[in-house]
Amino acid sequence: MSPLPAMTLSKTAVDFIDDAHIEGLLQAPAPAASQVREVIAKSLEKQALSVAETAVLLRAESPELTAEIFAAARELKRRVYGNRIVLFAPLYIGNQCINACRYCGFSRDNHEAVRRTLTPRELVEQVLALEEKGHKRLILVFGEHPQYDAAFMADCVRTVYDTRQGHGEIRRVNINAAPLDDAGYRALKAVGIGTYQIFQETYHHETYGRMHPANTRKGNFLYRLDGLSRAMEAGCDDVGIGALVGLTDWRFDTLGLVTHARFLQERYGVGPHTISFPRLRPASGAAFEGTRFVSDDEFKRLIAILRLAVPYTGLILTAREQPALRREVMAFGVSQIDAGSRIEIGGYTEAGDAQCMEREQFELGDIRPLDTVMRQLMEDGYMPSFCTACYRLGRTGEHFMEFAIPGFIKRFCTPNALTTLTEYLTDYASPETRAAGARLIEAEMAKIPDPAARAEVAARLEAIRSSDQRDLYV
């Protein structure tokens, strides 16, 4: 077991979160309708908003302006992402943790938690179970503990990629874990990880200190804030940021996320690949004193405003939320969801249909099987995608933006979404889901304007259906 690396900051580490400035933006007078509409118009031109412009939308609370914000978010989502929804699953590797976060079931102070780390064999069993359902994209989740050093995480990544059965394989492994040092990030980059996620949890300094005791590693606000800067400097050009919504004023953390995204964009030439905004959920052994309930209406506003603020950043909504809300917010903001998720250690082979709070980090709201989620997505007109082509072809970081910002990414995303969907329908889907998929694919094929391109995609889909050919990406 390796000791935790020293908390070394990047050479240019800076605390770019100015609480007083953010609070001042939120306390300014309600904006005029004309000002709100100017900000919306800028976003619809696919330009990222400044922190001050985002605050204008947050202060616009009249029903009329709120309706315009939602309408604009729907339109922007359609222009940038079309009807594609990317799917993934979380895989919890271990819940040992040296931190004492007040809201988390992994807290070292939670004596009700059942502590466990997957063995290599158990990890293989979990991956096989996920592959048997049709998953191609995973995010591995680790507590912060000396056992979970970069070498251990790299071994887990290699095991996941090496575990294949039949047509089942995992093509992209993302990581959600504590900050690492430079060598740790390089080690994970070398084994082919996708996105490295670090959630700041809250950008509000006083709240952060109250929720994360100072005698823990996570109690160092700047070390955590600087974590993704170190990752990018070590070559991990796909990173994800996030805030746990409900620890403080949700509007403050919305501006914190936008501030972080702009900082990365300005310093490294590319912002975060994804933004997550999980809402605080019940957790075994967790205390929720001082937290703030965030209503569904507030949560929807957060998502719509983030969509307008960061047009090209993927927005992730997890299975913490109920199915009805997840279904609603995909229309105006969310571009990635997890499905068929279990967050107990070993949950994909052992959990059954019920949740076990003593084995979870928090409580889930949507535990429907992947096949059920896929069918509803397609019945609602969405095109589920397991595509991983960009990451494997080096279209990441700045290179991804070179394709995405002019809109050229549609040339790749639609064909690759159709091929990965066809793989799922052919290899894993129930008859009802297969029928829904056939109708959707027929409609999507009709939308491809170029006959030659349409014929090429049709040939790929037929090859998948009639042979063992898989992974036919552009």
Protein backbone atom coordinates (compact mmCIF):
# COMPACT_ATOMS: atom_id res chain seq x y z
CA MET A 1 0.00 0.00 0.00
CA SER A 2 1.51 3.34 -1.04
CA PRO A 3 1.16 6.43 1.14
CA LEU A 4 -0.87 9.28 -0.22
CA PRO A 5 1.24 11.67 -2.31
CA ALA A 6 2.21 15.00 -0.82
CA MET A 7 -0.27 17.79 -1.45
CA THR A 8 1.84 19.60 -4.03
CA LEU A 9 0.17 22.42 -5.94
CA SER A 10 0.76 23.29 -9.58
CA LYS A 11 3.40 25.93 -10.22
CA THR A 12 0.75 28.50 -11.03
CA ALA A 13 -1.89 27.47 -8.48
CA VAL A 14 -4.37 30.22 -7.74
CA ASP A 15 -7.62 30.41 -5.84
CA PHE A 16 -9.75 31.93 -8.59
CA ILE A 17 -13.00 31.77 -6.59
CA ASP A 18 -13.83 35.23 -5.21
CA ASP A 19 -16.78 34.72 -2.88
CA ALA A 20 -17.46 38.42 -2.43
CA HIS A 21 -17.52 39.00 -6.20
CA ILE A 22 -19.90 36.08 -6.82
CA GLU A 23 -22.19 37.12 -3.98
CA GLY A 24 -22.19 40.68 -5.30
CA LEU A 25 -23.29 39.45 -8.74
CA LEU A 26 -26.15 37.51 -7.16
CA GLN A 27 -27.27 40.43 -4.98
CA ALA A 28 -27.43 42.95 -7.83
CA PRO A 29 -30.89 44.24 -8.83
CA ALA A 30 -33.12 42.15 -11.05
CA PRO A 31 -32.07 42.69 -14.67
CA ALA A 32 -34.17 44.39 -17.32
CA ALA A 33 -35.84 42.10 -19.81
CA SER A 34 -33.70 43.57 -22.59
CA GLN A 35 -30.51 42.64 -20.73
CA VAL A 36 -31.67 39.06 -20.24
CA ARG A 37 -32.56 38.76 -23.91
CA GLU A 38 -29.14 40.10 -24.96
CA VAL A 39 -27.47 37.37 -22.91
CA ILE A 40 -29.76 34.72 -24.38
CA ALA A 41 -29.01 35.93 -27.90
CA LYS A 42 -25.27 35.63 -27.26
CA SER A 43 -25.70 32.06 -26.07
CA LEU A 44 -27.79 31.12 -29.09
CA GLU A 45 -24.81 32.22 -31.20
CA LYS A 46 -23.00 29.36 -29.40
CA GLN A 47 -20.76 31.72 -27.45
CA ALA A 48 -19.84 30.86 -23.87
CA LEU A 49 -21.21 33.30 -21.31
CA SER A 50 -19.15 35.22 -18.79
CA VAL A 51 -19.76 34.75 -15.09
CA ALA A 52 -21.50 38.14 -14.94
CA GLU A 53 -23.75 37.23 -17.90
CA THR A 54 -24.65 33.93 -16.26
CA ALA A 55 -25.57 35.86 -13.12
CA VAL A 56 -27.98 37.94 -15.19
CA LEU A 57 -29.90 34.77 -16.05
CA LEU A 58 -29.82 33.61 -12.43
CA ARG A 59 -31.36 36.90 -11.27
CA ALA A 60 -34.13 36.74 -13.90
CA GLU A 61 -36.99 35.20 -11.96
CA SER A 62 -40.14 36.48 -13.66
CA PRO A 63 -42.26 33.72 -15.22
CA GLU A 64 -41.96 35.32 -18.66
CA LEU A 65 -38.16 35.54 -18.63
CA THR A 66 -37.80 32.12 -17.05
CA ALA A 67 -39.89 30.67 -19.89
CA GLU A 68 -37.61 32.39 -22.42
CA ILE A 69 -34.53 30.94 -20.73
CA PHE A 70 -35.96 27.43 -20.94
CA ALA A 71 -36.99 27.90 -24.57
CA ALA A 72 -33.50 29.13 -25.47
CA ALA A 73 -31.87 26.20 -23.65
CA ARG A 74 -34.06 23.77 -25.62
CA GLU A 75 -33.08 25.41 -28.89
CA LEU A 76 -29.38 25.50 -28.06
CA LYS A 77 -29.42 21.85 -26.96
CA ARG A 78 -31.03 20.94 -30.29
CA ARG A 79 -28.52 22.94 -32.34
CA VAL A 80 -25.40 21.61 -30.61
CA TYR A 81 -26.31 18.07 -29.59
CA GLY A 82 -29.31 17.17 -31.71
CA ASN A 83 -31.26 14.31 -30.14
CA ARG A 84 -28.26 12.24 -28.99
CA ILE A 85 -27.95 11.10 -25.38
CA VAL A 86 -24.71 9.43 -24.29
CA LEU A 87 -25.03 6.58 -21.79
CA PHE A 88 -22.58 5.21 -19.22
CA ALA A 89 -22.55 3.31 -15.93
CA PRO A 90 -20.71 3.97 -12.67
CA LEU A 91 -18.60 1.20 -11.17
CA TYR A 92 -17.62 1.68 -7.52
CA ILE A 93 -14.27 0.02 -6.83
CA GLY A 94 -13.88 0.68 -3.12
CA ASN A 95 -15.33 2.76 -0.29
CA GLN A 96 -12.35 3.00 2.04
CA CYS A 97 -11.83 6.72 2.73
CA ILE A 98 -9.70 8.89 4.99
CA ASN A 99 -11.97 11.94 4.65
CA ALA A 100 -14.87 12.91 6.89
CA CYS A 101 -17.26 14.72 4.55
CA ARG A 102 -20.43 15.51 6.48
CA TYR A 103 -22.80 14.42 3.69
CA CYS A 104 -21.14 11.24 2.39
CA GLY A 105 -21.74 7.59 3.19
CA PHE A 106 -18.04 6.88 2.56
CA SER A 107 -16.98 9.16 5.45
CA ARG A 108 -14.38 7.63 7.75
CA ASP A 109 -16.70 8.60 10.63
CA ASN A 110 -19.60 6.54 9.26
CA HIS A 111 -19.37 3.41 11.39
CA GLU A 112 -22.49 1.97 9.75
CA ALA A 113 -20.72 1.64 6.39
CA VAL A 114 -19.72 -1.81 5.17
CA ARG A 115 -16.14 -1.24 3.97
CA ARG A 116 -15.01 -3.16 0.95
CA THR A 117 -12.67 -3.03 -2.03
CA LEU A 118 -13.24 -5.20 -5.09
CA THR A 119 -10.66 -7.90 -5.62
CA PRO A 120 -9.30 -8.31 -9.17
CA ARG A 121 -11.63 -11.28 -9.69
CA GLU A 122 -14.63 -9.38 -8.35
CA LEU A 123 -13.79 -6.46 -10.63
CA VAL A 124 -13.83 -8.81 -13.62
CA GLU A 125 -17.21 -10.17 -12.51
CA GLN A 126 -18.65 -6.65 -12.26
CA VAL A 127 -17.36 -5.71 -15.71
CA LEU A 128 -18.73 -8.88 -17.27
CA ALA A 129 -22.13 -8.18 -15.71
CA LEU A 130 -22.11 -4.67 -17.18
CA GLU A 131 -21.00 -5.91 -20.59
CA GLU A 132 -23.78 -8.50 -20.59
CA LYS A 133 -26.26 -5.63 -20.32
CA GLY A 134 -24.66 -3.77 -23.24
CA HIS A 135 -22.56 -1.09 -21.56
CA LYS A 136 -19.50 0.28 -23.39
CA ARG A 137 -18.60 3.28 -21.20
CA LEU A 138 -17.82 3.20 -17.47
CA ILE A 139 -16.72 5.61 -14.80
CA LEU A 140 -14.70 4.05 -12.00
CA VAL A 141 -15.29 5.61 -8.57
CA PHE A 142 -12.79 5.45 -5.69
CA GLY A 143 -12.73 6.77 -2.15
CA GLU A 144 -9.60 8.65 -1.07
CA HIS A 145 -7.32 6.19 0.67
CA PRO A 146 -3.66 5.08 0.46
CA GLN A 147 -4.86 1.77 -0.98
CA TYR A 148 -6.29 3.59 -3.99
CA ASP A 149 -3.10 5.12 -5.33
CA ALA A 150 -2.45 5.78 -9.03
CA ALA A 151 -0.86 2.35 -9.55
CA PHE A 152 -3.94 0.64 -8.11
CA MET A 153 -6.28 2.74 -10.24
CA ALA A 154 -4.19 2.06 -13.36
CA ASP A 155 -4.37 -1.68 -12.67
CA CYS A 156 -8.16 -1.42 -12.39
CA VAL A 157 -8.35 0.43 -15.70
CA ARG A 158 -6.23 -2.21 -17.43
CA THR A 159 -8.42 -4.97 -15.99
CA VAL A 160 -11.57 -3.29 -17.28
CA TYR A 161 -10.19 -2.86 -20.78
CA ASP A 162 -8.86 -6.44 -20.83
CA THR A 163 -12.18 -7.98 -19.74
CA ARG A 164 -14.10 -9.09 -22.83
CA GLN A 165 -16.65 -11.76 -23.53
CA GLY A 166 -18.38 -12.33 -26.85
CA HIS A 167 -19.26 -8.91 -28.24
CA GLY A 168 -18.95 -7.36 -24.80
CA GLU A 169 -16.17 -4.85 -24.20
CA ILE A 170 -15.65 -1.58 -22.40
CA ARG A 171 -14.26 1.04 -24.77
CA ARG A 172 -13.92 4.05 -22.49
CA VAL A 173 -13.04 4.23 -18.80
CA ASN A 174 -13.45 7.54 -16.98
CA ILE A 175 -12.28 8.17 -13.43
CA ASN A 176 -13.94 9.89 -10.47
CA ALA A 177 -11.41 10.11 -7.67
CA ALA A 178 -9.38 12.38 -5.45
CA PRO A 179 -6.71 14.73 -6.84
CA LEU A 180 -3.38 13.12 -7.72
CA ASP A 181 0.16 14.33 -8.20
CA ASP A 182 1.76 14.80 -11.61
CA ALA A 183 3.12 11.25 -11.78
CA GLY A 184 -0.27 9.82 -10.85
CA TYR A 185 -2.08 11.64 -13.63
CA ARG A 186 0.56 10.58 -16.14
CA ALA A 187 0.22 6.95 -15.07
CA LEU A 188 -3.53 7.01 -15.67
CA LYS A 189 -3.17 8.83 -18.96
CA ALA A 190 -0.75 6.10 -20.07
CA VAL A 191 -3.37 3.35 -19.58
CA GLY A 192 -5.91 5.18 -21.71
CA ILE A 193 -8.40 6.77 -19.36
CA GLY A 194 -10.99 9.11 -20.77
CA THR A 195 -12.19 11.93 -18.51
CA TYR A 196 -10.74 12.53 -15.04
CA GLN A 197 -13.45 13.97 -12.78
CA ILE A 198 -12.89 15.89 -9.58
CA PHE A 199 -15.91 17.52 -7.97
CA GLN A 200 -15.18 20.58 -5.88
CA GLU A 201 -18.47 19.77 -4.08
CA THR A 202 -19.01 23.45 -3.26
CA TYR A 203 -17.12 26.56 -4.37
CA HIS A 204 -18.24 28.55 -1.31
CA HIS A 205 -15.24 28.72 1.01
CA GLU A 206 -17.06 28.86 4.35
CA THR A 207 -19.40 26.02 3.41
CA TYR A 208 -16.52 23.96 2.03
CA GLY A 209 -14.66 24.31 5.33
CA ARG A 210 -17.73 23.34 7.34
CA MET A 211 -18.46 20.26 5.25
CA HIS A 212 -14.84 19.05 4.99
CA PRO A 213 -12.98 19.06 8.32
CA ALA A 214 -9.59 20.75 8.21
CA ASN A 215 -7.80 17.68 9.63
CA THR A 216 -8.51 15.72 6.43
CA ARG A 217 -6.92 15.86 2.98
CA LYS A 218 -10.14 17.06 1.46
CA GLY A 219 -10.18 19.95 3.91
CA ASN A 220 -7.64 21.78 1.71
CA PHE A 221 -9.83 23.88 -0.62
CA LEU A 222 -7.03 25.08 -2.91
CA TYR A 223 -5.44 21.64 -3.31
CA ARG A 224 -8.75 20.28 -4.57
CA LEU A 225 -9.49 23.33 -6.73
CA ASP A 226 -6.05 23.01 -8.32
CA GLY A 227 -6.46 19.28 -8.95
CA LEU A 228 -7.67 19.51 -12.53
CA SER A 229 -5.09 22.15 -13.41
CA ARG A 230 -2.43 19.63 -12.40
CA ALA A 231 -4.21 16.97 -14.43
CA MET A 232 -4.20 19.11 -17.57
CA GLU A 233 -0.56 20.05 -17.08
CA ALA A 234 0.22 16.33 -16.83
CA GLY A 235 -1.47 15.64 -20.17
CA CYS A 236 -5.02 14.70 -19.16
CA ASP A 237 -6.81 17.01 -21.57
CA ASP A 238 -10.30 15.65 -20.84
CA VAL A 239 -11.44 16.67 -17.37
CA GLY A 240 -14.79 16.98 -15.64
CA ILE A 241 -15.88 19.40 -12.93
CA GLY A 242 -18.84 19.20 -10.59
CA ALA A 243 -20.64 20.58 -7.56
CA LEU A 244 -22.90 18.82 -5.07
CA VAL A 245 -26.03 20.94 -5.33
CA GLY A 246 -27.59 21.69 -1.96
CA LEU A 247 -24.56 22.30 0.23
CA THR A 248 -24.98 26.05 -0.23
CA ASP A 249 -26.97 28.48 -2.40
CA TRP A 250 -27.34 26.65 -5.72
CA ARG A 251 -26.90 29.92 -7.59
CA PHE A 252 -23.47 30.46 -6.00
CA ASP A 253 -22.26 27.03 -7.04
CA THR A 254 -23.65 27.55 -10.54
CA LEU A 255 -21.41 30.60 -10.86
CA GLY A 256 -18.57 28.64 -9.27
CA LEU A 257 -18.86 26.01 -11.99
CA VAL A 258 -18.89 28.64 -14.73
CA THR A 259 -15.90 30.38 -13.12
CA HIS A 260 -14.00 27.09 -13.06
CA ALA A 261 -14.89 26.31 -16.68
CA ARG A 262 -13.73 29.73 -17.86
CA PHE A 263 -10.51 29.50 -15.83
CA LEU A 264 -9.59 26.21 -17.52
CA GLN A 265 -10.53 27.59 -20.94
CA GLU A 266 -8.46 30.72 -20.50
CA ARG A 267 -5.40 29.01 -19.01
CA TYR A 268 -5.25 25.81 -21.07
CA GLY A 269 -7.20 26.65 -24.20
CA VAL A 270 -9.97 24.13 -23.46
CA GLY A 271 -12.60 24.00 -20.77
CA PRO A 272 -13.98 20.95 -18.99
CA HIS A 273 -15.35 18.16 -21.15
CA THR A 274 -18.23 17.63 -18.72
CA ILE A 275 -19.99 19.37 -15.85
CA SER A 276 -21.88 17.40 -13.19
CA PHE A 277 -24.36 18.84 -10.70
CA PRO A 278 -25.60 15.97 -8.52
CA ARG A 279 -28.25 17.02 -6.04
CA LEU A 280 -27.73 16.16 -2.37
CA ARG A 281 -29.37 12.83 -1.50
CA PRO A 282 -29.83 10.88 1.74
CA ALA A 283 -26.78 8.84 2.75
CA SER A 284 -26.19 6.35 5.52
CA GLY A 285 -24.52 7.94 8.55
CA ALA A 286 -24.52 11.43 6.99
CA ALA A 287 -25.53 14.63 8.74
CA PHE A 288 -27.30 17.31 6.73
CA GLU A 289 -27.24 20.26 9.12
CA GLY A 290 -26.68 23.52 7.27
CA THR A 291 -27.52 22.13 3.84
CA ARG A 292 -30.11 23.76 1.58
CA PHE A 293 -33.01 21.97 -0.04
CA VAL A 294 -33.05 22.61 -3.79
CA SER A 295 -36.50 22.31 -5.33
CA ASP A 296 -37.18 20.68 -8.67
CA ASP A 297 -37.96 24.07 -10.20
CA GLU A 298 -34.65 25.51 -8.98
CA PHE A 299 -32.80 22.44 -10.21
CA LYS A 300 -34.34 22.78 -13.67
CA ARG A 301 -33.33 26.44 -13.81
CA LEU A 302 -29.76 25.47 -12.89
CA ILE A 303 -29.60 22.99 -15.78
CA ALA A 304 -31.11 25.37 -18.34
CA ILE A 305 -28.79 28.21 -17.33
CA LEU A 306 -25.70 25.98 -17.40
CA ARG A 307 -26.68 24.84 -20.88
CA LEU A 308 -26.76 28.46 -22.04
CA ALA A 309 -23.55 29.37 -20.22
CA VAL A 310 -21.37 26.54 -21.62
CA PRO A 311 -22.81 25.54 -25.02
CA TYR A 312 -20.19 22.90 -25.87
CA THR A 313 -19.71 21.28 -22.48
CA GLY A 314 -21.44 17.98 -21.78
CA LEU A 315 -23.92 18.14 -18.91
CA ILE A 316 -24.29 14.94 -16.87
CA LEU A 317 -27.43 14.03 -14.93
CA THR A 318 -27.08 10.96 -12.75
CA ALA A 319 -29.50 8.36 -11.47
CA ARG A 320 -29.74 10.24 -8.19
CA GLU A 321 -32.81 11.83 -9.76
CA GLN A 322 -36.24 10.30 -10.36
CA PRO A 323 -37.09 9.00 -13.86
CA ALA A 324 -39.72 11.68 -14.57
CA LEU A 325 -37.34 14.55 -13.84
CA ARG A 326 -34.53 12.96 -15.83
CA ARG A 327 -36.90 12.58 -18.77
CA GLU A 328 -37.88 16.25 -18.59
CA VAL A 329 -34.47 17.89 -18.34
CA MET A 330 -32.91 16.02 -21.25
CA ALA A 331 -34.95 18.29 -23.51
CA PHE A 332 -33.22 21.49 -22.43
CA GLY A 333 -29.78 20.68 -21.19
CA VAL A 334 -28.56 17.23 -20.28
CA SER A 335 -26.45 15.35 -22.82
CA GLN A 336 -25.19 12.38 -20.76
CA ILE A 337 -26.90 10.05 -18.29
CA ASP A 338 -26.08 6.85 -16.47
CA ALA A 339 -28.50 3.93 -16.69
CA GLY A 340 -28.91 0.57 -15.03
CA SER A 341 -26.73 1.94 -12.24
CA ARG A 342 -25.82 0.31 -8.94
CA ILE A 343 -23.54 2.08 -6.50
CA GLU A 344 -23.05 -0.63 -3.89
CA ILE A 345 -19.60 -2.20 -4.01
CA GLY A 346 -20.25 -5.39 -6.01
CA GLY A 347 -23.77 -4.22 -6.76
CA TYR A 348 -23.98 -5.40 -10.37
CA THR A 349 -23.82 -9.05 -9.33
CA GLU A 350 -25.03 -8.96 -5.72
CA ALA A 351 -27.55 -6.18 -5.13
CA GLY A 352 -30.76 -7.57 -6.63
CA ASP A 353 -33.67 -5.16 -6.96
CA ALA A 354 -33.38 -3.35 -3.61
CA GLN A 355 -30.92 -0.72 -2.44
CA CYS A 356 -28.72 -1.30 0.59
CA MET A 357 -27.94 2.07 2.19
CA GLU A 358 -25.09 0.71 4.32
CA ARG A 359 -23.27 -0.26 1.10
CA GLU A 360 -24.00 2.92 -0.89
CA GLN A 361 -22.43 6.37 -0.98
CA PHE A 362 -25.92 7.89 -1.31
CA GLU A 363 -29.45 6.88 -2.32
CA LEU A 364 -30.39 6.51 -5.99
CA GLY A 365 -33.64 7.74 -7.50
CA ASP A 366 -33.62 5.75 -10.75
CA ILE A 367 -32.64 2.07 -10.66
CA ARG A 368 -34.44 1.03 -13.85
CA PRO A 369 -32.59 -1.49 -16.05
CA LEU A 370 -30.59 -0.19 -19.00
CA ASP A 371 -33.00 -1.80 -21.47
CA THR A 372 -35.95 0.07 -19.97
CA VAL A 373 -34.11 3.41 -20.10
CA MET A 374 -33.03 2.77 -23.69
CA ARG A 375 -36.58 2.02 -24.78
CA GLN A 376 -38.01 5.14 -23.17
CA LEU A 377 -35.30 7.31 -24.70
CA MET A 378 -36.11 6.06 -28.17
CA GLU A 379 -39.85 6.30 -27.67
CA ASP A 380 -39.26 9.93 -26.70
CA GLY A 381 -37.30 10.54 -29.90
CA TYR A 382 -33.77 10.44 -28.47
CA MET A 383 -30.89 8.55 -30.04
CA PRO A 384 -28.95 6.67 -27.34
CA SER A 385 -25.22 6.59 -28.02
CA PHE A 386 -22.36 4.50 -26.65
CA CYS A 387 -19.88 6.17 -28.99
CA THR A 388 -16.25 6.40 -27.89
CA ALA A 389 -14.64 7.21 -31.24
CA CYS A 390 -13.39 10.73 -30.55
CA TYR A 391 -11.43 9.69 -27.49
CA ARG A 392 -9.80 6.73 -29.20
CA LEU A 393 -8.87 8.75 -32.29
CA GLY A 394 -7.37 11.62 -30.32
CA ARG A 395 -10.27 14.03 -30.89
CA THR A 396 -10.01 15.27 -27.31
CA GLY A 397 -9.24 18.54 -25.58
CA GLU A 398 -8.48 21.30 -28.07
CA HIS A 399 -8.79 18.88 -30.98
CA PHE A 400 -12.36 18.03 -29.95
CA MET A 401 -13.26 21.70 -29.85
CA GLU A 402 -11.82 22.21 -33.33
CA PHE A 403 -14.48 19.81 -34.54
CA ALA A 404 -17.27 20.62 -32.11
CA ILE A 405 -17.38 24.39 -32.14
CA PRO A 406 -17.95 24.81 -35.91
CA GLY A 407 -20.60 22.09 -35.73
CA PHE A 408 -18.61 19.56 -37.75
CA ILE A 409 -18.94 17.02 -34.94
CA LYS A 410 -22.37 16.08 -36.33
CA ARG A 411 -20.58 14.38 -39.21
CA PHE A 412 -19.10 11.94 -36.71
CA CYS A 413 -21.66 11.74 -33.91
CA THR A 414 -24.73 10.69 -35.88
CA PRO A 415 -23.09 7.76 -37.73
CA ASN A 416 -21.28 6.60 -34.60
CA ALA A 417 -24.42 6.86 -32.48
CA LEU A 418 -26.31 4.79 -35.05
CA THR A 419 -23.65 2.07 -35.18
CA THR A 420 -23.34 1.76 -31.40
CA LEU A 421 -27.13 1.76 -31.05
CA THR A 422 -27.37 -0.99 -33.67
CA GLU A 423 -24.80 -3.01 -31.73
CA TYR A 424 -26.93 -2.71 -28.62
CA LEU A 425 -30.15 -3.62 -30.41
CA THR A 426 -28.55 -6.61 -32.13
CA ASP A 427 -26.68 -8.02 -29.14
CA TYR A 428 -28.61 -7.09 -25.99
CA ALA A 429 -32.04 -5.50 -26.46
CA SER A 430 -35.40 -7.00 -25.56
CA PRO A 431 -37.85 -7.48 -28.47
CA GLU A 432 -39.80 -4.37 -27.43
CA THR A 433 -36.68 -2.24 -27.28
CA ARG A 434 -35.43 -3.66 -30.57
CA ALA A 435 -38.69 -2.66 -32.24
CA ALA A 436 -38.47 0.89 -30.83
CA GLY A 437 -34.89 1.08 -32.05
CA ALA A 438 -35.77 -0.03 -35.55
CA ARG A 439 -38.33 2.77 -35.83
CA LEU A 440 -35.86 5.34 -34.54
CA ILE A 441 -33.06 4.24 -36.86
CA GLU A 442 -35.36 4.40 -39.87
CA ALA A 443 -36.30 7.99 -38.94
CA GLU A 444 -32.69 9.00 -38.33
CA MET A 445 -31.46 7.51 -41.59
CA ALA A 446 -34.04 9.54 -43.48
CA LYS A 447 -32.53 12.72 -41.99
CA ILE A 448 -29.08 12.14 -43.52
CA PRO A 449 -29.19 14.46 -46.55
CA ASP A 450 -26.25 13.12 -48.57
CA PRO A 451 -27.18 9.87 -50.40
CA ALA A 452 -23.58 8.64 -50.38
CA ALA A 453 -23.21 9.22 -46.65
CA ARG A 454 -26.56 7.57 -46.01
CA ALA A 455 -25.53 4.53 -48.04
CA GLU A 456 -22.24 4.26 -46.15
CA VAL A 457 -24.01 4.32 -42.79
CA ALA A 458 -26.58 1.79 -44.02
CA ALA A 459 -23.76 -0.56 -45.07
CA ARG A 460 -22.19 -0.33 -41.63
CA LEU A 461 -25.48 -1.06 -39.88
CA GLU A 462 -26.10 -4.07 -42.09
CA ALA A 463 -22.60 -5.39 -41.43
CA ILE A 464 -23.29 -5.25 -37.69
CA ARG A 465 -26.66 -6.98 -38.01
CA SER A 466 -25.47 -9.75 -40.32
CA SER A 467 -21.98 -10.54 -39.04
CA ASP A 468 -19.63 -10.33 -36.09
CA GLN A 469 -18.29 -6.96 -37.21
CA ARG A 470 -18.44 -4.43 -34.38
CA ASP A 471 -16.87 -1.10 -33.42
CA LEU A 472 -17.28 0.40 -36.91
CA TYR A 473 -16.68 4.01 -36.01
CA VAL A 474 -15.83 7.12 -38.02
